[in-house]
Amino acid sequence: PLSGGTRVNLEGDGFFEAERIKVSMDMSAAADELDTHHLDTYNRDLSIELEGTKHSQPLESLGANTDIIYGRDTLNSNTVVPLSTGVEVRVARGALDPYTGMVVCDTAVHDAACACVVEVSFDNGETYTSSQKVYTFYDEPVVSAVVPSCRLITGEALQYVKGSGLSGAGTFTKVRFTSVGLDPVVVPAEWDHENNCLVCKSPPFPKGAVTVEVALNGQQYSPHTTQVLYFEPPAVTMLMPDCCTLGAEMTEITLTCINPVEGLKVRLRGDSFPRDLVLETYDLVLESPDAGSVKMRVPAALALGVSTVELSVDGTEWIKSAAATSTCHVFGVLQP
C-alpha cells in the first residue's frame, strides 16, 4: 500500500552479499511495460532507492523512510543526480538475507498508486539488473460488506468480502478475523470474478461480533473494515400449531427455539413437495439469552404430507432439529 513498510523479498540468480545493496523501483520504466488498466496513475518520473547494508542474521527491522539522499535519473540510465533536479527520491535500507539468499527491503511511503519496475544493484548503484519485474503501489482497499453478514460458530463456510480496491488481490491476499480478547485468525482469499469480490472460508469463532480486515499483500491490513456476527446453531423445540390445511391462504406458526436470532430463516422440505419453501421469521421474543420464539407465515401449502423444518441464520447453512420437534403436517380440508 501507499503507506509503505511492506517487507519485500526479491528472489533471483547470482545474488551475493554486498556492503551497499540498492533496489530501484522505477516508475518511468514501468510505463513502457504495462497496460494502462493495471494502474491508476504511473506517468510520473520516479525512482525509489533502497539503500542497504549487509546482515549476518535474519532481518528484524530495516527501517523504511530513514532519509532522503539522492536519486537516479530515470531518463538517463543509472546516472546519480542531485535532489534539486526534481526526481522524487526516498531511501530505505535493504540487505541480503543469508538464510534465504533473497534481497530484502522495506518500501517507503508513497503518494500515488502506480507500478514500478524493480531492479537490484550490488555495486552502490553503478549497475543494475535488467529483469523488468514489476512492483505495484495500491490505494488502501475499503471493505464495505461481508456476505453473509452472519455465520455459525462452526465456520468453514464461504465468506464473500465486498468493497472497493479489492480487485488487485493475488497470491498473497489474506483476510483477518479479529475479536476482542481472542487471537486473530488469518485465512487466504482469492478474487471471485463471477461475483466481483473476494472469497474466503470463514474460520470457527465464538459467538459475537468479529471484525473482518483485508491485506492485499498479506502484510498491511486496511483500516477500512466491517463486521460479521457469529451465532450458536439454532434449533426448534416446538411448533404451535404443527400443522396447516391444504389450500389455506396463510397460517401463522410460532416456533419455540434454542438460540433464536433476528432474521432467522425457515425451510420446509417434504418428499411430496415439488420444491422447498423458504420463509422469513418475525416477532423475535427472547425468554433468556439462548431461548425464545419467532413467528412465520406459511402460504398455501404445496402438497399433502409431512415436511421437515430446517433453520438458518445466513440462508446458506441449514440445520435440522430433532425429528420429534421439527415436522409440520399438511392436512386436507376436514369434513364434519
C-alpha atoms as a PDB file:
ATOM      1  CA  PRO A   1       0.000   0.000   0.000  1.00  0.00           C
ATOM      2  CA  LEU A   2       0.930   3.668  -0.279  1.00  0.00           C
ATOM      3  CA  SER A   3       1.649   3.736   3.464  1.00  0.00           C
ATOM      4  CA  GLY A   4       4.865   1.787   2.829  1.00  0.00           C
ATOM      5  CA  GLY A   5       6.559  -0.533   5.284  1.00  0.00           C
ATOM      6  CA  THR A   6       5.968  -3.652   3.205  1.00  0.00           C
ATOM      7  CA  ARG A   7       8.681  -6.283   3.640  1.00  0.00           C
ATOM      8  CA  VAL A   8       9.625  -7.276   0.093  1.00  0.00           C
ATOM      9  CA  ASN A   9      11.700 -10.356  -0.706  1.00  0.00           C
ATOM     10  CA  LEU A  10      13.414 -10.390  -4.080  1.00  0.00           C
ATOM     11  CA  GLU A  11      14.345 -13.825  -5.385  1.00  0.00           C
ATOM     12  CA  GLY A  12      16.867 -14.145  -8.193  1.00  0.00           C
ATOM     13  CA  ASP A  13      20.009 -15.728  -9.561  1.00  0.00           C
ATOM     14  CA  GLY A  14      23.553 -14.638  -8.770  1.00  0.00           C
ATOM     15  CA  PHE A  15      22.698 -12.592  -5.662  1.00  0.00           C
ATOM     16  CA  PHE A  16      25.568 -12.065  -3.222  1.00  0.00           C
ATOM     17  CA  GLU A  17      26.288 -10.174  -0.013  1.00  0.00           C
ATOM     18  CA  ALA A  18      27.486  -6.610  -0.509  1.00  0.00           C
ATOM     19  CA  GLU A  19      28.026  -3.513   1.610  1.00  0.00           C
ATOM     20  CA  ARG A  20      25.587  -1.288  -0.279  1.00  0.00           C
ATOM     21  CA  ILE A  21      22.771  -3.176  -1.968  1.00  0.00           C
ATOM     22  CA  LYS A  22      20.251  -0.963  -3.733  1.00  0.00           C
ATOM     23  CA  VAL A  23      16.807  -1.804  -5.003  1.00  0.00           C
ATOM     24  CA  SER A  24      15.456   0.556  -7.632  1.00  0.00           C
ATOM     25  CA  MET A  25      11.714   0.968  -8.139  1.00  0.00           C
ATOM     26  CA  ASP A  26      11.494   2.880 -11.388  1.00  0.00           C
ATOM     27  CA  MET A  27       8.027   4.029 -12.428  1.00  0.00           C
ATOM     28  CA  SER A  28       9.067   5.617 -15.718  1.00  0.00           C
ATOM     29  CA  ALA A  29      10.268   2.229 -16.953  1.00  0.00           C
ATOM     30  CA  ALA A  30       7.002   0.596 -15.914  1.00  0.00           C
ATOM     31  CA  ALA A  31       5.066   2.930 -18.156  1.00  0.00           C
ATOM     32  CA  ASP A  32       6.509   1.227 -21.223  1.00  0.00           C
ATOM     33  CA  GLU A  33       5.952  -2.282 -19.906  1.00  0.00           C
ATOM     34  CA  LEU A  34       2.399  -2.240 -18.511  1.00  0.00           C
ATOM     35  CA  ASP A  35      -1.118  -1.883 -19.843  1.00  0.00           C
ATOM     36  CA  THR A  36      -2.940   1.178 -18.533  1.00  0.00           C
ATOM     37  CA  HIS A  37      -5.776  -0.823 -16.948  1.00  0.00           C
ATOM     38  CA  HIS A  38      -3.365  -2.064 -14.268  1.00  0.00           C
ATOM     39  CA  LEU A  39      -2.739   1.419 -12.923  1.00  0.00           C
ATOM     40  CA  ASP A  40      -4.490   4.476 -11.601  1.00  0.00           C
ATOM     41  CA  THR A  41      -1.511   6.739 -12.449  1.00  0.00           C
ATOM     42  CA  TYR A  42       2.020   5.896 -13.478  1.00  0.00           C
ATOM     43  CA  ASN A  43       3.121   8.635 -15.855  1.00  0.00           C
ATOM     44  CA  ARG A  44       5.344  10.496 -13.395  1.00  0.00           C
ATOM     45  CA  ASP A  45       9.133  10.226 -13.235  1.00  0.00           C
ATOM     46  CA  LEU A  46      10.002   8.434 -10.007  1.00  0.00           C
ATOM     47  CA  SER A  47      12.896   6.388  -8.729  1.00  0.00           C
ATOM     48  CA  ILE A  48      12.938   4.993  -5.214  1.00  0.00           C
ATOM     49  CA  GLU A  49      16.377   3.966  -3.989  1.00  0.00           C
ATOM     50  CA  LEU A  50      16.505   1.456  -1.136  1.00  0.00           C
ATOM     51  CA  GLU A  51      19.982   1.684   0.344  1.00  0.00           C
ATOM     52  CA  GLY A  52      21.243  -1.442   2.138  1.00  0.00           C
ATOM     53  CA  THR A  53      23.862  -2.799   4.480  1.00  0.00           C
ATOM     54  CA  LYS A  54      24.807  -6.444   4.911  1.00  0.00           C
ATOM     55  CA  HIS A  55      23.458  -8.538   7.788  1.00  0.00           C
ATOM     56  CA  SER A  56      24.707 -11.799   9.267  1.00  0.00           C
ATOM     57  CA  GLN A  57      21.413 -12.905  10.792  1.00  0.00           C
ATOM     58  CA  PRO A  58      17.717 -12.909   9.821  1.00  0.00           C
ATOM     59  CA  LEU A  59      16.397  -9.382   9.435  1.00  0.00           C
ATOM     60  CA  GLU A  60      14.036  -7.996  12.043  1.00  0.00           C
ATOM     61  CA  SER A  61      13.534  -4.372  11.000  1.00  0.00           C
ATOM     62  CA  LEU A  62      15.120  -2.479   8.143  1.00  0.00           C
ATOM     63  CA  GLY A  63      13.580   0.910   8.931  1.00  0.00           C
ATOM     64  CA  ALA A  64      11.872   2.267   5.841  1.00  0.00           C
ATOM     65  CA  ASN A  65      11.887   6.025   5.183  1.00  0.00           C
ATOM     66  CA  THR A  66      15.140   6.643   7.043  1.00  0.00           C
ATOM     67  CA  ASP A  67      16.322   9.555   4.925  1.00  0.00           C
ATOM     68  CA  ILE A  68      16.185  11.386   1.610  1.00  0.00           C
ATOM     69  CA  ILE A  69      19.606  11.464  -0.010  1.00  0.00           C
ATOM     70  CA  TYR A  70      19.997  11.271  -3.787  1.00  0.00           C
ATOM     71  CA  GLY A  71      18.275   9.978  -6.871  1.00  0.00           C
ATOM     72  CA  ARG A  72      18.835   8.065 -10.075  1.00  0.00           C
ATOM     73  CA  ASP A  73      17.823   9.907 -13.221  1.00  0.00           C
ATOM     74  CA  THR A  74      15.042   7.708 -14.586  1.00  0.00           C
ATOM     75  CA  LEU A  75      15.527   9.095 -18.080  1.00  0.00           C
ATOM     76  CA  ASN A  76      19.304   8.689 -18.296  1.00  0.00           C
ATOM     77  CA  SER A  77      20.270   5.137 -17.390  1.00  0.00           C
ATOM     78  CA  ASN A  78      21.761   4.833 -13.888  1.00  0.00           C
ATOM     79  CA  THR A  79      23.247   8.317 -13.557  1.00  0.00           C
ATOM     80  CA  VAL A  80      23.160   9.635  -9.981  1.00  0.00           C
ATOM     81  CA  VAL A  81      21.673  13.125  -9.975  1.00  0.00           C
ATOM     82  CA  PRO A  82      21.259  15.817  -7.300  1.00  0.00           C
ATOM     83  CA  LEU A  83      17.970  16.099  -5.458  1.00  0.00           C
ATOM     84  CA  SER A  84      17.421  19.548  -6.941  1.00  0.00           C
ATOM     85  CA  THR A  85      16.644  18.047 -10.363  1.00  0.00           C
ATOM     86  CA  GLY A  86      13.099  17.281  -9.179  1.00  0.00           C
ATOM     87  CA  VAL A  87      13.345  13.491  -9.296  1.00  0.00           C
ATOM     88  CA  GLU A  88      11.449  12.251  -6.244  1.00  0.00           C
ATOM     89  CA  VAL A  89      13.696  10.079  -4.076  1.00  0.00           C
ATOM     90  CA  ARG A  90      13.064   8.064  -0.936  1.00  0.00           C
ATOM     91  CA  VAL A  91      15.687   5.970   0.794  1.00  0.00           C
ATOM     92  CA  ALA A  92      15.300   2.909   2.983  1.00  0.00           C
ATOM     93  CA  ARG A  93      17.611   0.049   3.969  1.00  0.00           C
ATOM     94  CA  GLY A  94      17.871  -3.389   2.425  1.00  0.00           C
ATOM     95  CA  ALA A  95      20.165  -6.386   2.663  1.00  0.00           C
ATOM     96  CA  LEU A  96      20.852  -9.925   1.548  1.00  0.00           C
ATOM     97  CA  ASP A  97      19.218 -12.451   3.880  1.00  0.00           C
ATOM     98  CA  PRO A  98      21.865 -15.198   4.231  1.00  0.00           C
ATOM     99  CA  TYR A  99      19.240 -17.763   5.240  1.00  0.00           C
ATOM    100  CA  THR A 100      17.118 -17.421   2.085  1.00  0.00           C
ATOM    101  CA  GLY A 101      19.542 -15.879  -0.394  1.00  0.00           C
ATOM    102  CA  MET A 102      16.989 -13.172  -1.152  1.00  0.00           C
ATOM    103  CA  VAL A 103      17.448  -9.427  -1.179  1.00  0.00           C
ATOM    104  CA  VAL A 104      15.137  -7.982   1.471  1.00  0.00           C
ATOM    105  CA  CYS A 105      13.895  -4.407   1.700  1.00  0.00           C
ATOM    106  CA  ASP A 106      11.070  -2.332   3.166  1.00  0.00           C
ATOM    107  CA  THR A 107       9.112   0.006   0.914  1.00  0.00           C
ATOM    108  CA  ALA A 108       8.872   3.720   1.601  1.00  0.00           C
ATOM    109  CA  VAL A 109       5.715   5.817   1.907  1.00  0.00           C
ATOM    110  CA  HIS A 110       4.290   6.697  -1.497  1.00  0.00           C
ATOM    111  CA  ASP A 111       1.811   9.322  -2.652  1.00  0.00           C
ATOM    112  CA  ALA A 112       0.047   7.795  -5.671  1.00  0.00           C
ATOM    113  CA  ALA A 113      -0.950   4.352  -6.916  1.00  0.00           C
ATOM    114  CA  CYS A 114       1.480   3.182  -9.573  1.00  0.00           C
ATOM    115  CA  ALA A 115       3.591   0.304 -10.839  1.00  0.00           C
ATOM    116  CA  CYS A 116       7.392   0.274 -10.791  1.00  0.00           C
ATOM    117  CA  VAL A 117       9.995  -1.880 -12.485  1.00  0.00           C
ATOM    118  CA  VAL A 118      12.212  -3.381  -9.763  1.00  0.00           C
ATOM    119  CA  GLU A 119      15.947  -3.854 -10.284  1.00  0.00           C
ATOM    120  CA  VAL A 120      18.827  -4.645  -7.904  1.00  0.00           C
ATOM    121  CA  SER A 121      22.345  -3.244  -7.678  1.00  0.00           C
ATOM    122  CA  PHE A 122      25.186  -4.784  -5.678  1.00  0.00           C
ATOM    123  CA  ASP A 123      27.760  -2.104  -6.511  1.00  0.00           C
ATOM    124  CA  ASN A 124      26.228   1.009  -4.969  1.00  0.00           C
ATOM    125  CA  GLY A 125      24.089   1.848  -7.993  1.00  0.00           C
ATOM    126  CA  GLU A 126      26.774   1.654 -10.677  1.00  0.00           C
ATOM    127  CA  THR A 127      24.953  -1.164 -12.492  1.00  0.00           C
ATOM    128  CA  TYR A 128      21.521  -2.726 -12.107  1.00  0.00           C
ATOM    129  CA  THR A 129      19.885  -5.939 -13.150  1.00  0.00           C
ATOM    130  CA  SER A 130      17.561  -5.806 -16.161  1.00  0.00           C
ATOM    131  CA  SER A 131      14.861  -8.260 -15.136  1.00  0.00           C
ATOM    132  CA  GLN A 132      11.827  -5.977 -15.636  1.00  0.00           C
ATOM    133  CA  LYS A 133       9.959  -7.383 -12.645  1.00  0.00           C
ATOM    134  CA  VAL A 134       7.029  -5.199 -11.587  1.00  0.00           C
ATOM    135  CA  TYR A 135       6.046  -3.983  -8.115  1.00  0.00           C
ATOM    136  CA  THR A 136       2.735  -2.189  -7.573  1.00  0.00           C
ATOM    137  CA  PHE A 137       1.747   0.505  -5.073  1.00  0.00           C
ATOM    138  CA  TYR A 138      -2.001   0.497  -4.428  1.00  0.00           C
ATOM    139  CA  ASP A 139      -4.555   2.649  -2.627  1.00  0.00           C
ATOM    140  CA  GLU A 140      -5.903   1.188   0.610  1.00  0.00           C
ATOM    141  CA  PRO A 141      -8.847  -1.103  -0.179  1.00  0.00           C
ATOM    142  CA  VAL A 142     -12.181  -0.393   1.503  1.00  0.00           C
ATOM    143  CA  VAL A 143     -14.276  -3.282   2.822  1.00  0.00           C
ATOM    144  CA  SER A 144     -17.945  -2.278   2.663  1.00  0.00           C
ATOM    145  CA  ALA A 145     -19.753  -5.564   3.365  1.00  0.00           C
ATOM    146  CA  VAL A 146     -19.378  -9.262   4.042  1.00  0.00           C
ATOM    147  CA  VAL A 147     -21.942 -11.679   2.640  1.00  0.00           C
ATOM    148  CA  PRO A 148     -23.487 -13.357   4.528  1.00  0.00           C
ATOM    149  CA  SER A 149     -23.167 -10.915   7.427  1.00  0.00           C
ATOM    150  CA  CYS A 150     -23.836 -13.664   9.980  1.00  0.00           C
ATOM    151  CA  ARG A 151     -22.287 -17.086  10.440  1.00  0.00           C
ATOM    152  CA  LEU A 152     -22.487 -20.174  12.631  1.00  0.00           C
ATOM    153  CA  ILE A 153     -19.682 -20.560  15.173  1.00  0.00           C
ATOM    154  CA  THR A 154     -18.546 -23.707  13.344  1.00  0.00           C
ATOM    155  CA  GLY A 155     -17.240 -21.603  10.427  1.00  0.00           C
ATOM    156  CA  GLU A 156     -15.803 -23.335   7.354  1.00  0.00           C
ATOM    157  CA  ALA A 157     -18.358 -21.723   5.027  1.00  0.00           C
ATOM    158  CA  LEU A 158     -17.716 -19.440   2.050  1.00  0.00           C
ATOM    159  CA  GLN A 159     -17.467 -15.765   3.003  1.00  0.00           C
ATOM    160  CA  TYR A 160     -17.724 -13.071   0.315  1.00  0.00           C
ATOM    161  CA  VAL A 161     -15.948  -9.772   1.022  1.00  0.00           C
ATOM    162  CA  LYS A 162     -17.133  -6.771  -0.983  1.00  0.00           C
ATOM    163  CA  GLY A 163     -15.777  -3.262  -1.354  1.00  0.00           C
ATOM    164  CA  SER A 164     -13.551  -1.050  -3.492  1.00  0.00           C
ATOM    165  CA  GLY A 165      -9.900  -1.552  -4.421  1.00  0.00           C
ATOM    166  CA  LEU A 166     -10.070  -5.315  -3.877  1.00  0.00           C
ATOM    167  CA  SER A 167      -9.608  -6.457  -7.474  1.00  0.00           C
ATOM    168  CA  GLY A 168      -5.822  -6.288  -7.080  1.00  0.00           C
ATOM    169  CA  ALA A 169      -5.992  -9.432  -4.947  1.00  0.00           C
ATOM    170  CA  GLY A 170      -3.323 -12.007  -5.741  1.00  0.00           C
ATOM    171  CA  THR A 171      -1.276 -14.839  -4.315  1.00  0.00           C
ATOM    172  CA  PHE A 172      -0.533 -13.040  -1.046  1.00  0.00           C
ATOM    173  CA  THR A 173      -4.028 -11.720  -0.226  1.00  0.00           C
ATOM    174  CA  LYS A 174      -5.263 -12.502   3.282  1.00  0.00           C
ATOM    175  CA  VAL A 175      -8.445 -11.881   5.290  1.00  0.00           C
ATOM    176  CA  ARG A 176      -8.115 -11.494   9.055  1.00  0.00           C
ATOM    177  CA  PHE A 177     -10.910 -12.168  11.554  1.00  0.00           C
ATOM    178  CA  THR A 178     -10.430 -10.461  14.937  1.00  0.00           C
ATOM    179  CA  SER A 179     -12.408 -10.182  18.165  1.00  0.00           C
ATOM    180  CA  VAL A 180     -11.551  -8.547  21.491  1.00  0.00           C
ATOM    181  CA  GLY A 181      -9.714 -10.905  23.813  1.00  0.00           C
ATOM    182  CA  LEU A 182      -9.179 -13.590  21.160  1.00  0.00           C
ATOM    183  CA  ASP A 183      -6.259 -14.397  18.879  1.00  0.00           C
ATOM    184  CA  PRO A 184      -6.844 -13.212  15.292  1.00  0.00           C
ATOM    185  CA  VAL A 185      -7.392 -15.842  12.615  1.00  0.00           C
ATOM    186  CA  VAL A 186      -5.924 -15.277   9.136  1.00  0.00           C
ATOM    187  CA  VAL A 187      -7.215 -17.127   6.068  1.00  0.00           C
ATOM    188  CA  PRO A 188      -6.195 -16.946   2.385  1.00  0.00           C
ATOM    189  CA  ALA A 189      -8.520 -15.220  -0.066  1.00  0.00           C
ATOM    190  CA  GLU A 190      -8.833 -15.008  -3.828  1.00  0.00           C
ATOM    191  CA  TRP A 191     -10.672 -12.851  -6.328  1.00  0.00           C
ATOM    192  CA  ASP A 192     -14.052 -14.216  -7.419  1.00  0.00           C
ATOM    193  CA  HIS A 193     -14.562 -12.931 -10.969  1.00  0.00           C
ATOM    194  CA  GLU A 194     -18.159 -14.137 -11.152  1.00  0.00           C
ATOM    195  CA  ASN A 195     -19.272 -12.264  -8.021  1.00  0.00           C
ATOM    196  CA  ASN A 196     -16.782  -9.389  -8.366  1.00  0.00           C
ATOM    197  CA  CYS A 197     -15.483  -9.701  -4.803  1.00  0.00           C
ATOM    198  CA  LEU A 198     -13.015 -11.565  -2.583  1.00  0.00           C
ATOM    199  CA  VAL A 199     -13.941 -15.034  -1.361  1.00  0.00           C
ATOM    200  CA  CYS A 200     -12.516 -16.976   1.576  1.00  0.00           C
ATOM    201  CA  LYS A 201     -13.614 -19.560   4.137  1.00  0.00           C
ATOM    202  CA  SER A 202     -14.898 -18.213   7.441  1.00  0.00           C
ATOM    203  CA  PRO A 203     -12.965 -19.679  10.398  1.00  0.00           C
ATOM    204  CA  PRO A 204     -14.650 -21.062  13.524  1.00  0.00           C
ATOM    205  CA  PHE A 205     -15.238 -18.339  16.132  1.00  0.00           C
ATOM    206  CA  PRO A 206     -17.112 -17.951  19.428  1.00  0.00           C
ATOM    207  CA  LYS A 207     -20.485 -16.206  19.466  1.00  0.00           C
ATOM    208  CA  GLY A 208     -20.309 -12.445  18.950  1.00  0.00           C
ATOM    209  CA  ALA A 209     -19.180  -9.688  16.583  1.00  0.00           C
ATOM    210  CA  VAL A 210     -15.978 -10.321  14.621  1.00  0.00           C
ATOM    211  CA  THR A 211     -14.078  -7.663  12.645  1.00  0.00           C
ATOM    212  CA  VAL A 212     -13.069  -8.523   9.071  1.00  0.00           C
ATOM    213  CA  GLU A 213      -9.894  -6.948   7.606  1.00  0.00           C
ATOM    214  CA  VAL A 214      -8.160  -7.356   4.243  1.00  0.00           C
ATOM    215  CA  ALA A 215      -4.468  -7.227   3.303  1.00  0.00           C
ATOM    216  CA  LEU A 216      -3.925  -7.458  -0.453  1.00  0.00           C
ATOM    217  CA  ASN A 217      -0.222  -8.142   0.095  1.00  0.00           C
ATOM    218  CA  GLY A 218      -0.735 -10.336   3.175  1.00  0.00           C
ATOM    219  CA  GLN A 219       1.059  -7.835   5.451  1.00  0.00           C
ATOM    220  CA  GLN A 220      -0.641  -4.464   5.899  1.00  0.00           C
ATOM    221  CA  TYR A 221      -4.335  -4.691   6.713  1.00  0.00           C
ATOM    222  CA  SER A 222      -6.591  -1.899   5.511  1.00  0.00           C
ATOM    223  CA  PRO A 223      -8.076   0.305   8.273  1.00  0.00           C
ATOM    224  CA  HIS A 224     -11.415   0.185   6.432  1.00  0.00           C
ATOM    225  CA  THR A 225     -13.153  -2.835   7.974  1.00  0.00           C
ATOM    226  CA  THR A 226     -16.579  -4.335   8.614  1.00  0.00           C
ATOM    227  CA  GLN A 227     -18.045  -6.972  10.924  1.00  0.00           C
ATOM    228  CA  VAL A 228     -19.645 -10.397  10.740  1.00  0.00           C
ATOM    229  CA  LEU A 229     -21.824 -11.806  13.539  1.00  0.00           C
ATOM    230  CA  TYR A 230     -21.279 -15.359  14.794  1.00  0.00           C
ATOM    231  CA  PHE A 231     -24.192 -17.324  16.282  1.00  0.00           C
ATOM    232  CA  GLU A 232     -24.731 -20.593  18.099  1.00  0.00           C
ATOM    233  CA  PRO A 233     -26.645 -23.150  15.960  1.00  0.00           C
ATOM    234  CA  PRO A 234     -30.414 -22.611  16.410  1.00  0.00           C
ATOM    235  CA  ALA A 235     -32.868 -25.484  16.961  1.00  0.00           C
ATOM    236  CA  VAL A 236     -36.656 -25.869  17.073  1.00  0.00           C
ATOM    237  CA  THR A 237     -38.141 -27.241  20.298  1.00  0.00           C
ATOM    238  CA  MET A 238     -41.847 -26.810  19.464  1.00  0.00           C
ATOM    239  CA  LEU A 239     -44.227 -25.680  16.681  1.00  0.00           C
ATOM    240  CA  MET A 240     -47.598 -24.097  17.552  1.00  0.00           C
ATOM    241  CA  PRO A 241     -49.555 -25.237  15.615  1.00  0.00           C
ATOM    242  CA  ASP A 242     -47.588 -28.017  13.943  1.00  0.00           C
ATOM    243  CA  CYS A 243     -49.997 -28.374  11.029  1.00  0.00           C
ATOM    244  CA  CYS A 244     -51.781 -26.383   8.356  1.00  0.00           C
ATOM    245  CA  THR A 245     -54.613 -27.025   5.910  1.00  0.00           C
ATOM    246  CA  LEU A 246     -54.009 -27.604   2.225  1.00  0.00           C
ATOM    247  CA  GLY A 247     -55.173 -24.564   0.307  1.00  0.00           C
ATOM    248  CA  ALA A 248     -55.294 -22.258   3.316  1.00  0.00           C
ATOM    249  CA  GLU A 249     -54.296 -18.731   2.330  1.00  0.00           C
ATOM    250  CA  MET A 250     -51.910 -18.156   5.247  1.00  0.00           C
ATOM    251  CA  THR A 251     -51.170 -19.968   8.502  1.00  0.00           C
ATOM    252  CA  GLU A 252     -49.199 -18.268  11.287  1.00  0.00           C
ATOM    253  CA  ILE A 253     -46.954 -20.644  13.226  1.00  0.00           C
ATOM    254  CA  THR A 254     -44.910 -19.866  16.339  1.00  0.00           C
ATOM    255  CA  LEU A 255     -41.547 -21.623  16.636  1.00  0.00           C
ATOM    256  CA  THR A 256     -40.086 -22.032  20.099  1.00  0.00           C
ATOM    257  CA  CYS A 257     -36.324 -22.214  19.619  1.00  0.00           C
ATOM    258  CA  ILE A 258     -32.927 -22.547  21.197  1.00  0.00           C
ATOM    259  CA  ASN A 259     -30.579 -19.728  20.091  1.00  0.00           C
ATOM    260  CA  PRO A 260     -33.127 -17.799  18.015  1.00  0.00           C
ATOM    261  CA  VAL A 261     -31.878 -14.686  16.192  1.00  0.00           C
ATOM    262  CA  GLU A 262     -33.336 -11.740  14.336  1.00  0.00           C
ATOM    263  CA  GLY A 263     -33.831 -12.617  10.675  1.00  0.00           C
ATOM    264  CA  LEU A 264     -33.878 -16.386  11.263  1.00  0.00           C
ATOM    265  CA  LYS A 265     -34.857 -18.269   8.106  1.00  0.00           C
ATOM    266  CA  VAL A 266     -37.009 -21.416   7.925  1.00  0.00           C
ATOM    267  CA  ARG A 267     -37.036 -24.029   5.174  1.00  0.00           C
ATOM    268  CA  LEU A 268     -39.890 -26.557   4.814  1.00  0.00           C
ATOM    269  CA  ARG A 269     -38.939 -29.714   2.905  1.00  0.00           C
ATOM    270  CA  GLY A 270     -41.250 -32.600   2.092  1.00  0.00           C
ATOM    271  CA  ASP A 271     -40.975 -35.653  -0.126  1.00  0.00           C
ATOM    272  CA  SER A 272     -44.312 -34.788  -1.727  1.00  0.00           C
ATOM    273  CA  PHE A 273     -43.407 -31.097  -2.183  1.00  0.00           C
ATOM    274  CA  PRO A 274     -42.362 -30.089  -5.715  1.00  0.00           C
ATOM    275  CA  ARG A 275     -39.936 -27.550  -4.224  1.00  0.00           C
ATOM    276  CA  ASP A 276     -38.590 -26.324  -0.877  1.00  0.00           C
ATOM    277  CA  LEU A 277     -40.390 -23.468   0.821  1.00  0.00           C
ATOM    278  CA  VAL A 278     -38.092 -20.811   2.397  1.00  0.00           C
ATOM    279  CA  LEU A 279     -39.755 -18.407   4.830  1.00  0.00           C
ATOM    280  CA  GLU A 280     -38.660 -15.338   6.799  1.00  0.00           C
ATOM    281  CA  THR A 281     -39.429 -15.102  10.522  1.00  0.00           C
ATOM    282  CA  TYR A 282     -40.544 -12.102  12.571  1.00  0.00           C
ATOM    283  CA  ASP A 283     -41.518 -11.057  16.126  1.00  0.00           C
ATOM    284  CA  LEU A 284     -38.431 -12.380  17.898  1.00  0.00           C
ATOM    285  CA  VAL A 285     -39.125 -12.785  21.630  1.00  0.00           C
ATOM    286  CA  LEU A 286     -36.217 -13.755  23.908  1.00  0.00           C
ATOM    287  CA  GLU A 287     -37.120 -15.534  27.129  1.00  0.00           C
ATOM    288  CA  SER A 288     -33.422 -15.926  28.036  1.00  0.00           C
ATOM    289  CA  PRO A 289     -30.106 -15.227  26.278  1.00  0.00           C
ATOM    290  CA  ASP A 290     -30.283 -18.571  24.468  1.00  0.00           C
ATOM    291  CA  ALA A 291     -34.025 -19.337  24.200  1.00  0.00           C
ATOM    292  CA  GLY A 292     -37.117 -17.679  22.773  1.00  0.00           C
ATOM    293  CA  SER A 293     -39.573 -17.745  19.913  1.00  0.00           C
ATOM    294  CA  VAL A 294     -40.198 -16.406  16.426  1.00  0.00           C
ATOM    295  CA  LYS A 295     -43.193 -16.473  14.097  1.00  0.00           C
ATOM    296  CA  MET A 296     -43.595 -17.357  10.443  1.00  0.00           C
ATOM    297  CA  ARG A 297     -46.479 -17.344   7.973  1.00  0.00           C
ATOM    298  CA  VAL A 298     -46.959 -20.431   5.809  1.00  0.00           C
ATOM    299  CA  PRO A 299     -48.633 -19.648   2.474  1.00  0.00           C
ATOM    300  CA  ALA A 300     -50.913 -22.075   0.636  1.00  0.00           C
ATOM    301  CA  ALA A 301     -49.355 -25.488   1.280  1.00  0.00           C
ATOM    302  CA  LEU A 302     -47.652 -27.134  -1.653  1.00  0.00           C
ATOM    303  CA  ALA A 303     -48.966 -30.669  -1.138  1.00  0.00           C
ATOM    304  CA  LEU A 304     -50.346 -33.096   1.424  1.00  0.00           C
ATOM    305  CA  GLY A 305     -47.796 -34.765   3.659  1.00  0.00           C
ATOM    306  CA  VAL A 306     -45.176 -34.158   6.329  1.00  0.00           C
ATOM    307  CA  SER A 307     -42.464 -31.538   5.937  1.00  0.00           C
ATOM    308  CA  THR A 308     -39.250 -31.198   7.914  1.00  0.00           C
ATOM    309  CA  VAL A 309     -38.413 -27.792   9.401  1.00  0.00           C
ATOM    310  CA  GLU A 310     -34.832 -26.530   8.992  1.00  0.00           C
ATOM    311  CA  LEU A 311     -33.312 -23.297  10.320  1.00  0.00           C
ATOM    312  CA  SER A 312     -30.583 -20.996   9.015  1.00  0.00           C
ATOM    313  CA  VAL A 313     -29.016 -17.763  10.273  1.00  0.00           C
ATOM    314  CA  ASP A 314     -27.444 -16.882   6.904  1.00  0.00           C
ATOM    315  CA  GLY A 315     -29.585 -18.584   4.267  1.00  0.00           C
ATOM    316  CA  THR A 316     -26.772 -20.906   3.195  1.00  0.00           C
ATOM    317  CA  GLU A 317     -26.219 -23.351   6.071  1.00  0.00           C
ATOM    318  CA  TRP A 318     -29.348 -25.245   7.148  1.00  0.00           C
ATOM    319  CA  ILE A 319     -29.841 -27.096  10.448  1.00  0.00           C
ATOM    320  CA  LYS A 320     -32.416 -29.802  11.076  1.00  0.00           C
ATOM    321  CA  SER A 321     -33.618 -30.220  14.657  1.00  0.00           C
ATOM    322  CA  ALA A 322     -34.681 -33.488  16.293  1.00  0.00           C
ATOM    323  CA  ALA A 323     -37.353 -35.242  14.225  1.00  0.00           C
ATOM    324  CA  ALA A 324     -39.904 -35.117  17.039  1.00  0.00           C
ATOM    325  CA  THR A 325     -39.839 -31.302  17.222  1.00  0.00           C
ATOM    326  CA  SER A 326     -39.249 -30.215  13.633  1.00  0.00           C
ATOM    327  CA  THR A 327     -42.095 -31.514  11.459  1.00  0.00           C
ATOM    328  CA  CYS A 328     -45.089 -29.679  10.061  1.00  0.00           C
ATOM    329  CA  HIS A 329     -48.099 -31.651   8.827  1.00  0.00           C
ATOM    330  CA  VAL A 330     -50.221 -30.596   5.856  1.00  0.00           C
ATOM    331  CA  PHE A 331     -53.815 -31.888   6.008  1.00  0.00           C
ATOM    332  CA  GLY A 332     -56.636 -31.928   3.514  1.00  0.00           C
ATOM    333  CA  VAL A 333     -59.838 -29.978   4.151  1.00  0.00           C
ATOM    334  CA  LEU A 334     -61.590 -31.556   7.151  1.00  0.00           C
ATOM    335  CA  GLN A 335     -65.150 -32.763   6.681  1.00  0.00           C
ATOM    336  CA  PRO A 336     -67.712 -32.698   9.550  1.00  0.00           C
END
